[in-house]
């Protein structure tokens, strides 16, 4: 491990100021960053520990939503009774990720910002534009079974690994941040992540030293919430495909639906195409199949991950059927 300077932030302002440099990183639970430092994929010159900042509370909002502090652990968020009652798919998504030990340490902000698990990103002997810009993408012609099929380019086909972020995306969550100097902003979670384009190493819209303070969950939308994750083993495995869906029925028609995928893109993928296909559609598996066709119409496989496209369609159909109550 390369030497680095460590400091424990005593305030949000000092944390942002200290992390404004080009070689500085925030650290909280450290469940992703420390591993990357051990492999020398991440080599910060300065680590700013934000673990003591007052950002570990879940608070009610005036409109019936929740404000989740960035340092709330994944375990605490999944176990909170308000989350379990109002946002059951969020609790289910969190519990589908990692292991109990990791969830006890991993934080809400860190989960959103975790980096890809593409094997070529982790293998420093192979080219990776996300790790070394301009070096190429070994996954294109390599073992790309876990890689993305939507919204990516030939510069990078890495998939975002978070389960929690998929649920938050379908819930229309917003990320509240503060920058060095005190400027604040609220970012829709779907707009937090940058498309890879030809700069896949720039993964979010956050500026240097900009800190996630909290995630704002709006009041829960009407309808039944379901999260379904397809993976290689029952625990401690990243999604091949996951689906977060909310379906509100009006008789035998879909009144409104929301759909987001995990494991298919550089970010949690909200499918406007699937939602448009479902609006007013009959509550049938045929309608759900049509939504899957619409959602994946622009998908592109890269060989080993071709199976993800039909798998995503089938997973969406099963999830929608469950959410609509026709399983």
C-alpha atoms as a PDB file:
ATOM      1  CA  UNK A   1       0.000   0.000   0.000  1.00  0.00           C
ATOM      2  CA  UNK A   2       1.270   3.439  -0.878  1.00  0.00           C
ATOM      3  CA  UNK A   3       1.671   5.970   1.968  1.00  0.00           C
ATOM      4  CA  UNK A   4      -1.104   8.487   2.485  1.00  0.00           C
ATOM      5  CA  UNK A   5      -2.110  11.161   4.954  1.00  0.00           C
ATOM      6  CA  UNK A   6      -5.066  10.419   7.212  1.00  0.00           C
ATOM      7  CA  UNK A   7      -7.208  13.003   8.948  1.00  0.00           C
ATOM      8  CA  UNK A   8     -10.441  12.780  10.890  1.00  0.00           C
ATOM      9  CA  UNK A   9     -12.869  15.550   9.961  1.00  0.00           C
ATOM     10  CA  UNK A  10     -14.429  17.481  12.833  1.00  0.00           C
ATOM     11  CA  UNK A  11     -17.013  19.314  10.711  1.00  0.00           C
ATOM     12  CA  UNK A  12     -18.658  19.105   7.331  1.00  0.00           C
ATOM     13  CA  UNK A  13     -16.949  22.314   6.219  1.00  0.00           C
ATOM     14  CA  UNK A  14     -13.484  21.068   7.157  1.00  0.00           C
ATOM     15  CA  UNK A  15     -14.149  17.709   5.507  1.00  0.00           C
ATOM     16  CA  UNK A  16     -15.104  19.338   2.210  1.00  0.00           C
ATOM     17  CA  UNK A  17     -12.126  21.697   2.332  1.00  0.00           C
ATOM     18  CA  UNK A  18      -9.677  18.878   3.029  1.00  0.00           C
ATOM     19  CA  UNK A  19     -11.086  16.674   0.257  1.00  0.00           C
ATOM     20  CA  UNK A  20     -11.016  19.401  -2.402  1.00  0.00           C
ATOM     21  CA  UNK A  21      -7.565  18.419  -3.631  1.00  0.00           C
ATOM     22  CA  UNK A  22      -7.121  16.143  -6.657  1.00  0.00           C
ATOM     23  CA  UNK A  23      -5.620  13.245  -4.663  1.00  0.00           C
ATOM     24  CA  UNK A  24      -8.010  13.277  -1.690  1.00  0.00           C
ATOM     25  CA  UNK A  25     -10.832  10.877  -0.879  1.00  0.00           C
ATOM     26  CA  UNK A  26     -13.586  10.715   1.705  1.00  0.00           C
ATOM     27  CA  UNK A  27     -13.744   7.491   3.711  1.00  0.00           C
ATOM     28  CA  UNK A  28     -16.540   6.276   5.981  1.00  0.00           C
ATOM     29  CA  UNK A  29     -17.208   2.529   6.199  1.00  0.00           C
ATOM     30  CA  UNK A  30     -14.366   1.856   3.779  1.00  0.00           C
ATOM     31  CA  UNK A  31     -15.849  -1.415   2.534  1.00  0.00           C
ATOM     32  CA  UNK A  32     -14.984  -0.603  -1.094  1.00  0.00           C
ATOM     33  CA  UNK A  33     -12.254   2.037  -0.927  1.00  0.00           C
ATOM     34  CA  UNK A  34      -9.916   0.116   1.394  1.00  0.00           C
ATOM     35  CA  UNK A  35     -10.019  -2.937  -0.881  1.00  0.00           C
ATOM     36  CA  UNK A  36      -9.178  -0.761  -3.878  1.00  0.00           C
ATOM     37  CA  UNK A  37      -6.293   0.835  -1.978  1.00  0.00           C
ATOM     38  CA  UNK A  38      -4.861  -2.575  -1.139  1.00  0.00           C
ATOM     39  CA  UNK A  39      -4.813  -3.379  -4.857  1.00  0.00           C
ATOM     40  CA  UNK A  40      -3.396   0.096  -5.670  1.00  0.00           C
ATOM     41  CA  UNK A  41      -6.342   0.828  -7.924  1.00  0.00           C
ATOM     42  CA  UNK A  42      -7.130   3.772  -5.679  1.00  0.00           C
ATOM     43  CA  UNK A  43      -4.042   5.635  -4.477  1.00  0.00           C
ATOM     44  CA  UNK A  44      -5.222   8.726  -2.597  1.00  0.00           C
ATOM     45  CA  UNK A  45      -2.583  10.957  -1.054  1.00  0.00           C
ATOM     46  CA  UNK A  46      -5.073  12.017   1.619  1.00  0.00           C
ATOM     47  CA  UNK A  47      -7.951  10.212   3.305  1.00  0.00           C
ATOM     48  CA  UNK A  48     -10.567  12.348   5.005  1.00  0.00           C
ATOM     49  CA  UNK A  49     -12.460  10.271   7.555  1.00  0.00           C
ATOM     50  CA  UNK A  50     -16.037  11.555   7.863  1.00  0.00           C
ATOM     51  CA  UNK A  51     -17.179   8.856  10.280  1.00  0.00           C
ATOM     52  CA  UNK A  52     -17.728  11.225  13.220  1.00  0.00           C
ATOM     53  CA  UNK A  53     -19.822  13.788  11.331  1.00  0.00           C
ATOM     54  CA  UNK A  54     -23.505  14.163  12.361  1.00  0.00           C
ATOM     55  CA  UNK A  55     -24.868  12.415   9.292  1.00  0.00           C
ATOM     56  CA  UNK A  56     -26.154   9.132  10.726  1.00  0.00           C
ATOM     57  CA  UNK A  57     -29.818   9.924  11.365  1.00  0.00           C
ATOM     58  CA  UNK A  58     -33.045   9.028   9.552  1.00  0.00           C
ATOM     59  CA  UNK A  59     -35.480  11.919   9.851  1.00  0.00           C
ATOM     60  CA  UNK A  60     -39.100  12.478   8.898  1.00  0.00           C
ATOM     61  CA  UNK A  61     -39.830  15.162   6.322  1.00  0.00           C
ATOM     62  CA  UNK A  62     -42.859  17.431   6.412  1.00  0.00           C
ATOM     63  CA  UNK A  63     -44.438  15.790   3.359  1.00  0.00           C
ATOM     64  CA  UNK A  64     -44.260  12.248   4.719  1.00  0.00           C
ATOM     65  CA  UNK A  65     -40.926  11.201   3.257  1.00  0.00           C
ATOM     66  CA  UNK A  66     -37.601  10.435   4.918  1.00  0.00           C
ATOM     67  CA  UNK A  67     -34.214  12.111   4.931  1.00  0.00           C
ATOM     68  CA  UNK A  68     -31.476   9.488   5.268  1.00  0.00           C
ATOM     69  CA  UNK A  69     -28.095  10.707   6.484  1.00  0.00           C
ATOM     70  CA  UNK A  70     -25.116   9.702   4.365  1.00  0.00           C
ATOM     71  CA  UNK A  71     -23.562   7.804   7.279  1.00  0.00           C
ATOM     72  CA  UNK A  72     -26.614   5.678   8.058  1.00  0.00           C
ATOM     73  CA  UNK A  73     -25.395   2.117   7.678  1.00  0.00           C
ATOM     74  CA  UNK A  74     -27.036  -0.241   5.244  1.00  0.00           C
ATOM     75  CA  UNK A  75     -28.132  -2.475   8.132  1.00  0.00           C
ATOM     76  CA  UNK A  76     -29.731   0.412  10.018  1.00  0.00           C
ATOM     77  CA  UNK A  77     -31.558   1.640   6.924  1.00  0.00           C
ATOM     78  CA  UNK A  78     -32.910  -1.796   6.015  1.00  0.00           C
ATOM     79  CA  UNK A  79     -34.081  -2.414   9.601  1.00  0.00           C
ATOM     80  CA  UNK A  80     -35.780   0.947  10.162  1.00  0.00           C
ATOM     81  CA  UNK A  81     -39.516   0.347  10.669  1.00  0.00           C
ATOM     82  CA  UNK A  82     -40.460   3.405   8.613  1.00  0.00           C
ATOM     83  CA  UNK A  83     -38.429   2.105   5.693  1.00  0.00           C
ATOM     84  CA  UNK A  84     -39.845  -1.405   6.026  1.00  0.00           C
ATOM     85  CA  UNK A  85     -43.423  -0.110   6.063  1.00  0.00           C
ATOM     86  CA  UNK A  86     -43.246   2.681   3.488  1.00  0.00           C
ATOM     87  CA  UNK A  87     -40.419   1.524   1.201  1.00  0.00           C
ATOM     88  CA  UNK A  88     -40.305  -2.279   1.489  1.00  0.00           C
ATOM     89  CA  UNK A  89     -38.468  -2.699  -1.799  1.00  0.00           C
ATOM     90  CA  UNK A  90     -35.617  -0.538  -0.443  1.00  0.00           C
ATOM     91  CA  UNK A  91     -35.250  -2.741   2.612  1.00  0.00           C
ATOM     92  CA  UNK A  92     -35.387  -5.851   0.442  1.00  0.00           C
ATOM     93  CA  UNK A  93     -32.808  -4.480  -1.997  1.00  0.00           C
ATOM     94  CA  UNK A  94     -30.349  -3.628   0.762  1.00  0.00           C
ATOM     95  CA  UNK A  95     -30.695  -7.041   2.365  1.00  0.00           C
ATOM     96  CA  UNK A  96     -30.058  -8.651  -1.032  1.00  0.00           C
ATOM     97  CA  UNK A  97     -26.594  -7.069  -1.154  1.00  0.00           C
ATOM     98  CA  UNK A  98     -23.257  -8.059   0.335  1.00  0.00           C
ATOM     99  CA  UNK A  99     -23.201  -9.784   3.758  1.00  0.00           C
ATOM    100  CA  UNK A 100     -24.353  -8.874   7.247  1.00  0.00           C
ATOM    101  CA  UNK A 101     -20.853  -7.834   8.254  1.00  0.00           C
ATOM    102  CA  UNK A 102     -20.447  -5.539   5.267  1.00  0.00           C
ATOM    103  CA  UNK A 103     -23.925  -4.047   5.659  1.00  0.00           C
ATOM    104  CA  UNK A 104     -23.056  -3.219   9.273  1.00  0.00           C
ATOM    105  CA  UNK A 105     -20.187  -1.022   8.050  1.00  0.00           C
ATOM    106  CA  UNK A 106     -21.256   0.180   4.606  1.00  0.00           C
ATOM    107  CA  UNK A 107     -22.931   3.586   4.522  1.00  0.00           C
ATOM    108  CA  UNK A 108     -25.722   5.072   2.441  1.00  0.00           C
ATOM    109  CA  UNK A 109     -23.462   7.603   0.715  1.00  0.00           C
ATOM    110  CA  UNK A 110     -20.701   5.090   0.115  1.00  0.00           C
ATOM    111  CA  UNK A 111     -23.091   2.544  -1.341  1.00  0.00           C
ATOM    112  CA  UNK A 112     -24.200   5.029  -3.989  1.00  0.00           C
ATOM    113  CA  UNK A 113     -20.582   5.814  -4.887  1.00  0.00           C
ATOM    114  CA  UNK A 114     -19.120   2.315  -4.875  1.00  0.00           C
ATOM    115  CA  UNK A 115     -17.141   1.428  -7.946  1.00  0.00           C
ATOM    116  CA  UNK A 116     -17.717  -1.309 -10.489  1.00  0.00           C
ATOM    117  CA  UNK A 117     -16.806  -4.933  -9.877  1.00  0.00           C
ATOM    118  CA  UNK A 118     -15.787  -5.489 -13.509  1.00  0.00           C
ATOM    119  CA  UNK A 119     -12.933  -8.028 -13.262  1.00  0.00           C
ATOM    120  CA  UNK A 120     -10.761  -6.019 -15.645  1.00  0.00           C
ATOM    121  CA  UNK A 121     -11.079  -2.938 -13.445  1.00  0.00           C
ATOM    122  CA  UNK A 122      -9.636  -5.029 -10.625  1.00  0.00           C
ATOM    123  CA  UNK A 123      -6.924  -6.692 -12.738  1.00  0.00           C
ATOM    124  CA  UNK A 124      -4.103  -4.163 -13.003  1.00  0.00           C
ATOM    125  CA  UNK A 125      -2.359  -6.258 -15.663  1.00  0.00           C
ATOM    126  CA  UNK A 126      -5.202  -5.596 -18.123  1.00  0.00           C
ATOM    127  CA  UNK A 127      -6.235  -2.378 -19.906  1.00  0.00           C
ATOM    128  CA  UNK A 128      -9.169  -0.503 -18.387  1.00  0.00           C
ATOM    129  CA  UNK A 129     -10.268   2.993 -19.378  1.00  0.00           C
ATOM    130  CA  UNK A 130     -11.993   3.431 -16.030  1.00  0.00           C
ATOM    131  CA  UNK A 131      -8.763   2.711 -14.168  1.00  0.00           C
ATOM    132  CA  UNK A 132      -6.240   4.127 -16.669  1.00  0.00           C
ATOM    133  CA  UNK A 133      -7.932   6.505 -19.142  1.00  0.00           C
ATOM    134  CA  UNK A 134      -6.986   5.790 -22.747  1.00  0.00           C
ATOM    135  CA  UNK A 135      -5.660   2.292 -22.108  1.00  0.00           C
ATOM    136  CA  UNK A 136      -8.610   0.451 -23.682  1.00  0.00           C
ATOM    137  CA  UNK A 137     -11.358  -1.860 -22.450  1.00  0.00           C
ATOM    138  CA  UNK A 138     -10.330  -5.496 -22.039  1.00  0.00           C
ATOM    139  CA  UNK A 139     -13.910  -6.495 -21.226  1.00  0.00           C
ATOM    140  CA  UNK A 140     -15.107  -5.909 -24.798  1.00  0.00           C
ATOM    141  CA  UNK A 141     -13.498  -9.110 -26.059  1.00  0.00           C
ATOM    142  CA  UNK A 142     -12.961 -10.718 -22.666  1.00  0.00           C
ATOM    143  CA  UNK A 143     -15.047 -12.488 -20.053  1.00  0.00           C
ATOM    144  CA  UNK A 144     -17.816  -9.915 -19.892  1.00  0.00           C
ATOM    145  CA  UNK A 145     -20.577 -12.034 -18.362  1.00  0.00           C
ATOM    146  CA  UNK A 146     -21.238  -9.509 -15.552  1.00  0.00           C
ATOM    147  CA  UNK A 147     -20.945  -6.418 -17.722  1.00  0.00           C
ATOM    148  CA  UNK A 148     -23.502  -3.912 -18.974  1.00  0.00           C
ATOM    149  CA  UNK A 149     -25.799  -4.014 -22.002  1.00  0.00           C
ATOM    150  CA  UNK A 150     -27.543  -0.618 -21.757  1.00  0.00           C
ATOM    151  CA  UNK A 151     -26.228   2.924 -22.014  1.00  0.00           C
ATOM    152  CA  UNK A 152     -22.574   2.040 -22.425  1.00  0.00           C
ATOM    153  CA  UNK A 153     -19.960   2.574 -25.147  1.00  0.00           C
ATOM    154  CA  UNK A 154     -17.001   0.655 -26.486  1.00  0.00           C
ATOM    155  CA  UNK A 155     -14.827   2.690 -24.125  1.00  0.00           C
ATOM    156  CA  UNK A 156     -16.385   0.985 -21.091  1.00  0.00           C
ATOM    157  CA  UNK A 157     -19.050  -1.651 -20.494  1.00  0.00           C
ATOM    158  CA  UNK A 158     -18.741  -1.798 -16.698  1.00  0.00           C
ATOM    159  CA  UNK A 159     -21.959  -2.233 -14.693  1.00  0.00           C
ATOM    160  CA  UNK A 160     -22.862  -0.397 -11.514  1.00  0.00           C
ATOM    161  CA  UNK A 161     -22.989  -2.894  -8.611  1.00  0.00           C
ATOM    162  CA  UNK A 162     -25.429  -1.350  -6.117  1.00  0.00           C
ATOM    163  CA  UNK A 163     -28.735  -2.940  -5.132  1.00  0.00           C
ATOM    164  CA  UNK A 164     -29.758  -0.064  -2.873  1.00  0.00           C
ATOM    165  CA  UNK A 165     -29.320   2.507  -5.645  1.00  0.00           C
ATOM    166  CA  UNK A 166     -31.719   0.610  -7.922  1.00  0.00           C
ATOM    167  CA  UNK A 167     -34.450   0.790  -5.306  1.00  0.00           C
ATOM    168  CA  UNK A 168     -33.751   4.452  -4.607  1.00  0.00           C
ATOM    169  CA  UNK A 169     -33.912   5.224  -8.314  1.00  0.00           C
ATOM    170  CA  UNK A 170     -37.392   3.756  -8.712  1.00  0.00           C
ATOM    171  CA  UNK A 171     -38.459   5.684  -5.604  1.00  0.00           C
ATOM    172  CA  UNK A 172     -37.343   9.000  -7.170  1.00  0.00           C
ATOM    173  CA  UNK A 173     -34.822   9.654  -4.406  1.00  0.00           C
ATOM    174  CA  UNK A 174     -32.692  12.793  -4.441  1.00  0.00           C
ATOM    175  CA  UNK A 175     -29.132  13.244  -3.231  1.00  0.00           C
ATOM    176  CA  UNK A 176     -28.381  16.306  -1.098  1.00  0.00           C
ATOM    177  CA  UNK A 177     -24.784  17.523  -1.235  1.00  0.00           C
ATOM    178  CA  UNK A 178     -22.541  20.268   0.105  1.00  0.00           C
ATOM    179  CA  UNK A 179     -19.438  21.561  -1.645  1.00  0.00           C
ATOM    180  CA  UNK A 180     -16.301  23.331  -0.398  1.00  0.00           C
ATOM    181  CA  UNK A 181     -17.389  26.873   0.391  1.00  0.00           C
ATOM    182  CA  UNK A 182     -20.806  25.739   1.605  1.00  0.00           C
ATOM    183  CA  UNK A 183     -22.804  25.633  -1.641  1.00  0.00           C
ATOM    184  CA  UNK A 184     -25.543  23.017  -1.557  1.00  0.00           C
ATOM    185  CA  UNK A 185     -27.545  21.274  -4.238  1.00  0.00           C
ATOM    186  CA  UNK A 186     -30.112  18.520  -4.631  1.00  0.00           C
ATOM    187  CA  UNK A 187     -29.494  15.994  -7.412  1.00  0.00           C
ATOM    188  CA  UNK A 188     -32.072  13.463  -8.650  1.00  0.00           C
ATOM    189  CA  UNK A 189     -30.388  10.118  -8.134  1.00  0.00           C
ATOM    190  CA  UNK A 190     -30.880   9.244 -11.796  1.00  0.00           C
ATOM    191  CA  UNK A 191     -28.778  12.302 -12.685  1.00  0.00           C
ATOM    192  CA  UNK A 192     -25.984  11.531 -10.193  1.00  0.00           C
ATOM    193  CA  UNK A 193     -24.159   9.157 -12.529  1.00  0.00           C
ATOM    194  CA  UNK A 194     -22.355  10.180 -15.712  1.00  0.00           C
ATOM    195  CA  UNK A 195     -22.592   8.114 -18.865  1.00  0.00           C
ATOM    196  CA  UNK A 196     -19.186   6.614 -19.718  1.00  0.00           C
ATOM    197  CA  UNK A 197     -18.826   8.263 -23.134  1.00  0.00           C
ATOM    198  CA  UNK A 198     -15.083   8.514 -23.727  1.00  0.00           C
ATOM    199  CA  UNK A 199     -14.371   9.453 -20.086  1.00  0.00           C
ATOM    200  CA  UNK A 200     -15.544   6.434 -18.067  1.00  0.00           C
ATOM    201  CA  UNK A 201     -13.173   7.297 -15.221  1.00  0.00           C
ATOM    202  CA  UNK A 202     -15.448  10.262 -14.372  1.00  0.00           C
ATOM    203  CA  UNK A 203     -18.348   8.402 -12.820  1.00  0.00           C
ATOM    204  CA  UNK A 204     -20.563  11.027 -11.179  1.00  0.00           C
ATOM    205  CA  UNK A 205     -21.430  14.714 -11.462  1.00  0.00           C
ATOM    206  CA  UNK A 206     -19.942  15.453  -8.031  1.00  0.00           C
ATOM    207  CA  UNK A 207     -17.178  18.049  -7.886  1.00  0.00           C
ATOM    208  CA  UNK A 208     -13.960  17.629  -5.913  1.00  0.00           C
ATOM    209  CA  UNK A 209     -14.682  17.872  -2.225  1.00  0.00           C
ATOM    210  CA  UNK A 210     -18.459  17.733  -2.736  1.00  0.00           C
ATOM    211  CA  UNK A 211     -19.924  15.582   0.007  1.00  0.00           C
ATOM    212  CA  UNK A 212     -23.171  13.632   0.005  1.00  0.00           C
ATOM    213  CA  UNK A 213     -24.957  14.741   3.173  1.00  0.00           C
ATOM    214  CA  UNK A 214     -28.188  12.810   2.815  1.00  0.00           C
ATOM    215  CA  UNK A 215     -30.625  11.046   0.538  1.00  0.00           C
ATOM    216  CA  UNK A 216     -34.157  12.397   0.384  1.00  0.00           C
ATOM    217  CA  UNK A 217     -36.914   9.826  -0.084  1.00  0.00           C
ATOM    218  CA  UNK A 218     -40.210  11.384  -1.209  1.00  0.00           C
ATOM    219  CA  UNK A 219     -43.490  10.014   0.133  1.00  0.00           C
ATOM    220  CA  UNK A 220     -43.994   6.471  -1.142  1.00  0.00           C
ATOM    221  CA  UNK A 221     -45.910   6.259  -4.426  1.00  0.00           C
ATOM    222  CA  UNK A 222     -49.158   4.272  -4.629  1.00  0.00           C
ATOM    223  CA  UNK A 223     -48.885   0.658  -5.624  1.00  0.00           C
ATOM    224  CA  UNK A 224     -47.200  -2.551  -4.559  1.00  0.00           C
ATOM    225  CA  UNK A 225     -43.403  -2.489  -4.369  1.00  0.00           C
ATOM    226  CA  UNK A 226     -41.231  -5.464  -5.362  1.00  0.00           C
ATOM    227  CA  UNK A 227     -37.482  -5.978  -5.696  1.00  0.00           C
ATOM    228  CA  UNK A 228     -36.170  -9.094  -7.412  1.00  0.00           C
ATOM    229  CA  UNK A 229     -32.510 -10.026  -7.829  1.00  0.00           C
ATOM    230  CA  UNK A 230     -31.139 -12.771 -10.075  1.00  0.00           C
ATOM    231  CA  UNK A 231     -27.625 -13.879  -9.127  1.00  0.00           C
ATOM    232  CA  UNK A 232     -25.306 -16.861  -9.270  1.00  0.00           C
ATOM    233  CA  UNK A 233     -25.734 -17.817  -5.616  1.00  0.00           C
ATOM    234  CA  UNK A 234     -28.167 -17.008  -2.844  1.00  0.00           C
ATOM    235  CA  UNK A 235     -26.006 -14.521  -0.945  1.00  0.00           C
ATOM    236  CA  UNK A 236     -22.905 -12.340  -1.262  1.00  0.00           C
ATOM    237  CA  UNK A 237     -23.203 -12.069  -5.039  1.00  0.00           C
ATOM    238  CA  UNK A 238     -23.747  -9.119  -7.351  1.00  0.00           C
ATOM    239  CA  UNK A 239     -26.784  -9.038  -9.602  1.00  0.00           C
ATOM    240  CA  UNK A 240     -26.770 -10.518 -13.058  1.00  0.00           C
ATOM    241  CA  UNK A 241     -30.078  -8.688 -13.376  1.00  0.00           C
ATOM    242  CA  UNK A 242     -32.230  -7.018 -10.758  1.00  0.00           C
ATOM    243  CA  UNK A 243     -35.567  -5.251 -11.085  1.00  0.00           C
ATOM    244  CA  UNK A 244     -37.281  -2.755  -8.811  1.00  0.00           C
ATOM    245  CA  UNK A 245     -40.925  -2.253  -9.741  1.00  0.00           C
ATOM    246  CA  UNK A 246     -43.955  -0.430  -8.359  1.00  0.00           C
ATOM    247  CA  UNK A 247     -47.350  -1.158  -9.874  1.00  0.00           C
ATOM    248  CA  UNK A 248     -50.616   0.601  -9.091  1.00  0.00           C
ATOM    249  CA  UNK A 249     -53.719  -1.090 -10.500  1.00  0.00           C
ATOM    250  CA  UNK A 250     -57.107   0.287 -11.429  1.00  0.00           C
ATOM    251  CA  UNK A 251     -59.277  -2.750 -11.930  1.00  0.00           C
ATOM    252  CA  UNK A 252     -57.738  -4.868 -14.674  1.00  0.00           C
ATOM    253  CA  UNK A 253     -55.547  -2.028 -15.959  1.00  0.00           C
ATOM    254  CA  UNK A 254     -52.216  -0.621 -14.838  1.00  0.00           C
ATOM    255  CA  UNK A 255     -52.845   2.884 -13.552  1.00  0.00           C
ATOM    256  CA  UNK A 256     -49.152   3.678 -13.069  1.00  0.00           C
ATOM    257  CA  UNK A 257     -45.890   1.785 -12.960  1.00  0.00           C
ATOM    258  CA  UNK A 258     -42.244   2.442 -12.227  1.00  0.00           C
ATOM    259  CA  UNK A 259     -39.361   0.224 -13.334  1.00  0.00           C
ATOM    260  CA  UNK A 260     -35.611   0.271 -12.691  1.00  0.00           C
ATOM    261  CA  UNK A 261     -32.969  -2.333 -13.522  1.00  0.00           C
ATOM    262  CA  UNK A 262     -29.704  -3.235 -11.857  1.00  0.00           C
ATOM    263  CA  UNK A 263     -26.783  -5.113 -13.365  1.00  0.00           C
ATOM    264  CA  UNK A 264     -27.499  -3.824 -16.876  1.00  0.00           C
ATOM    265  CA  UNK A 265     -25.867  -0.410 -17.068  1.00  0.00           C
ATOM    266  CA  UNK A 266     -23.283   2.022 -15.726  1.00  0.00           C
ATOM    267  CA  UNK A 267     -25.982   3.216 -13.307  1.00  0.00           C
ATOM    268  CA  UNK A 268     -29.296   1.998 -11.912  1.00  0.00           C
ATOM    269  CA  UNK A 269     -31.330   2.062 -15.114  1.00  0.00           C
ATOM    270  CA  UNK A 270     -34.769   3.676 -14.903  1.00  0.00           C
ATOM    271  CA  UNK A 271     -36.781   2.485 -17.901  1.00  0.00           C
ATOM    272  CA  UNK A 272     -39.062   5.204 -19.255  1.00  0.00           C
ATOM    273  CA  UNK A 273     -39.834   2.877 -22.175  1.00  0.00           C
ATOM    274  CA  UNK A 274     -41.174   0.121 -19.928  1.00  0.00           C
ATOM    275  CA  UNK A 275     -43.188   2.601 -17.887  1.00  0.00           C
ATOM    276  CA  UNK A 276     -44.765   4.108 -21.003  1.00  0.00           C
ATOM    277  CA  UNK A 277     -45.658   0.648 -22.306  1.00  0.00           C
ATOM    278  CA  UNK A 278     -47.301  -0.231 -18.997  1.00  0.00           C
ATOM    279  CA  UNK A 279     -49.387   2.932 -18.554  1.00  0.00           C
ATOM    280  CA  UNK A 280     -53.019   1.913 -19.061  1.00  0.00           C
ATOM    281  CA  UNK A 281     -52.055  -1.586 -20.194  1.00  0.00           C
ATOM    282  CA  UNK A 282     -54.021  -4.674 -19.255  1.00  0.00           C
ATOM    283  CA  UNK A 283     -52.767  -6.495 -16.170  1.00  0.00           C
ATOM    284  CA  UNK A 284     -51.539  -9.539 -18.079  1.00  0.00           C
ATOM    285  CA  UNK A 285     -48.264 -11.305 -18.640  1.00  0.00           C
ATOM    286  CA  UNK A 286     -48.521 -10.374 -22.316  1.00  0.00           C
ATOM    287  CA  UNK A 287     -48.484  -6.689 -21.359  1.00  0.00           C
ATOM    288  CA  UNK A 288     -45.530  -7.297 -19.092  1.00  0.00           C
ATOM    289  CA  UNK A 289     -43.703  -9.081 -21.907  1.00  0.00           C
ATOM    290  CA  UNK A 290     -44.322  -6.052 -24.133  1.00  0.00           C
ATOM    291  CA  UNK A 291     -42.850  -3.802 -21.449  1.00  0.00           C
ATOM    292  CA  UNK A 292     -39.741  -5.980 -21.397  1.00  0.00           C
ATOM    293  CA  UNK A 293     -39.365  -5.713 -25.164  1.00  0.00           C
ATOM    294  CA  UNK A 294     -39.643  -1.933 -24.914  1.00  0.00           C
ATOM    295  CA  UNK A 295     -37.177  -1.723 -22.034  1.00  0.00           C
ATOM    296  CA  UNK A 296     -34.480  -3.763 -23.792  1.00  0.00           C
ATOM    297  CA  UNK A 297     -34.960  -2.598 -27.365  1.00  0.00           C
ATOM    298  CA  UNK A 298     -31.647  -0.714 -27.372  1.00  0.00           C
ATOM    299  CA  UNK A 299     -29.687  -3.311 -25.399  1.00  0.00           C
ATOM    300  CA  UNK A 300     -26.479  -4.684 -26.859  1.00  0.00           C
ATOM    301  CA  UNK A 301     -24.695  -7.799 -25.688  1.00  0.00           C
ATOM    302  CA  UNK A 302     -20.957  -8.354 -25.970  1.00  0.00           C
ATOM    303  CA  UNK A 303     -20.806 -12.123 -26.211  1.00  0.00           C
ATOM    304  CA  UNK A 304     -20.675 -13.687 -22.770  1.00  0.00           C
ATOM    305  CA  UNK A 305     -23.353 -11.307 -21.460  1.00  0.00           C
ATOM    306  CA  UNK A 306     -25.831 -11.737 -24.336  1.00  0.00           C
ATOM    307  CA  UNK A 307     -27.998 -13.852 -22.030  1.00  0.00           C
ATOM    308  CA  UNK A 308     -28.699 -10.807 -19.859  1.00  0.00           C
ATOM    309  CA  UNK A 309     -31.118  -9.371 -22.420  1.00  0.00           C
ATOM    310  CA  UNK A 310     -33.696 -12.212 -22.411  1.00  0.00           C
ATOM    311  CA  UNK A 311     -33.030 -12.735 -18.697  1.00  0.00           C
ATOM    312  CA  UNK A 312     -33.892  -9.091 -18.002  1.00  0.00           C
ATOM    313  CA  UNK A 313     -37.142  -9.407 -19.937  1.00  0.00           C
ATOM    314  CA  UNK A 314     -38.159 -12.516 -18.001  1.00  0.00           C
ATOM    315  CA  UNK A 315     -37.150 -10.999 -14.671  1.00  0.00           C
ATOM    316  CA  UNK A 316     -39.188  -7.886 -15.426  1.00  0.00           C
ATOM    317  CA  UNK A 317     -42.230  -9.987 -16.330  1.00  0.00           C
ATOM    318  CA  UNK A 318     -41.995 -11.952 -13.071  1.00  0.00           C
ATOM    319  CA  UNK A 319     -41.461  -8.828 -10.989  1.00  0.00           C
ATOM    320  CA  UNK A 320     -44.374  -6.975 -12.563  1.00  0.00           C
ATOM    321  CA  UNK A 321     -46.642  -9.976 -12.124  1.00  0.00           C
ATOM    322  CA  UNK A 322     -45.717 -10.093  -8.437  1.00  0.00           C
ATOM    323  CA  UNK A 323     -46.245  -6.340  -8.024  1.00  0.00           C
ATOM    324  CA  UNK A 324     -49.604  -6.549  -9.825  1.00  0.00           C
ATOM    325  CA  UNK A 325     -50.722  -9.471  -7.711  1.00  0.00           C
ATOM    326  CA  UNK A 326     -51.134 -12.044 -10.445  1.00  0.00           C
ATOM    327  CA  UNK A 327     -48.395 -14.478  -9.441  1.00  0.00           C
END
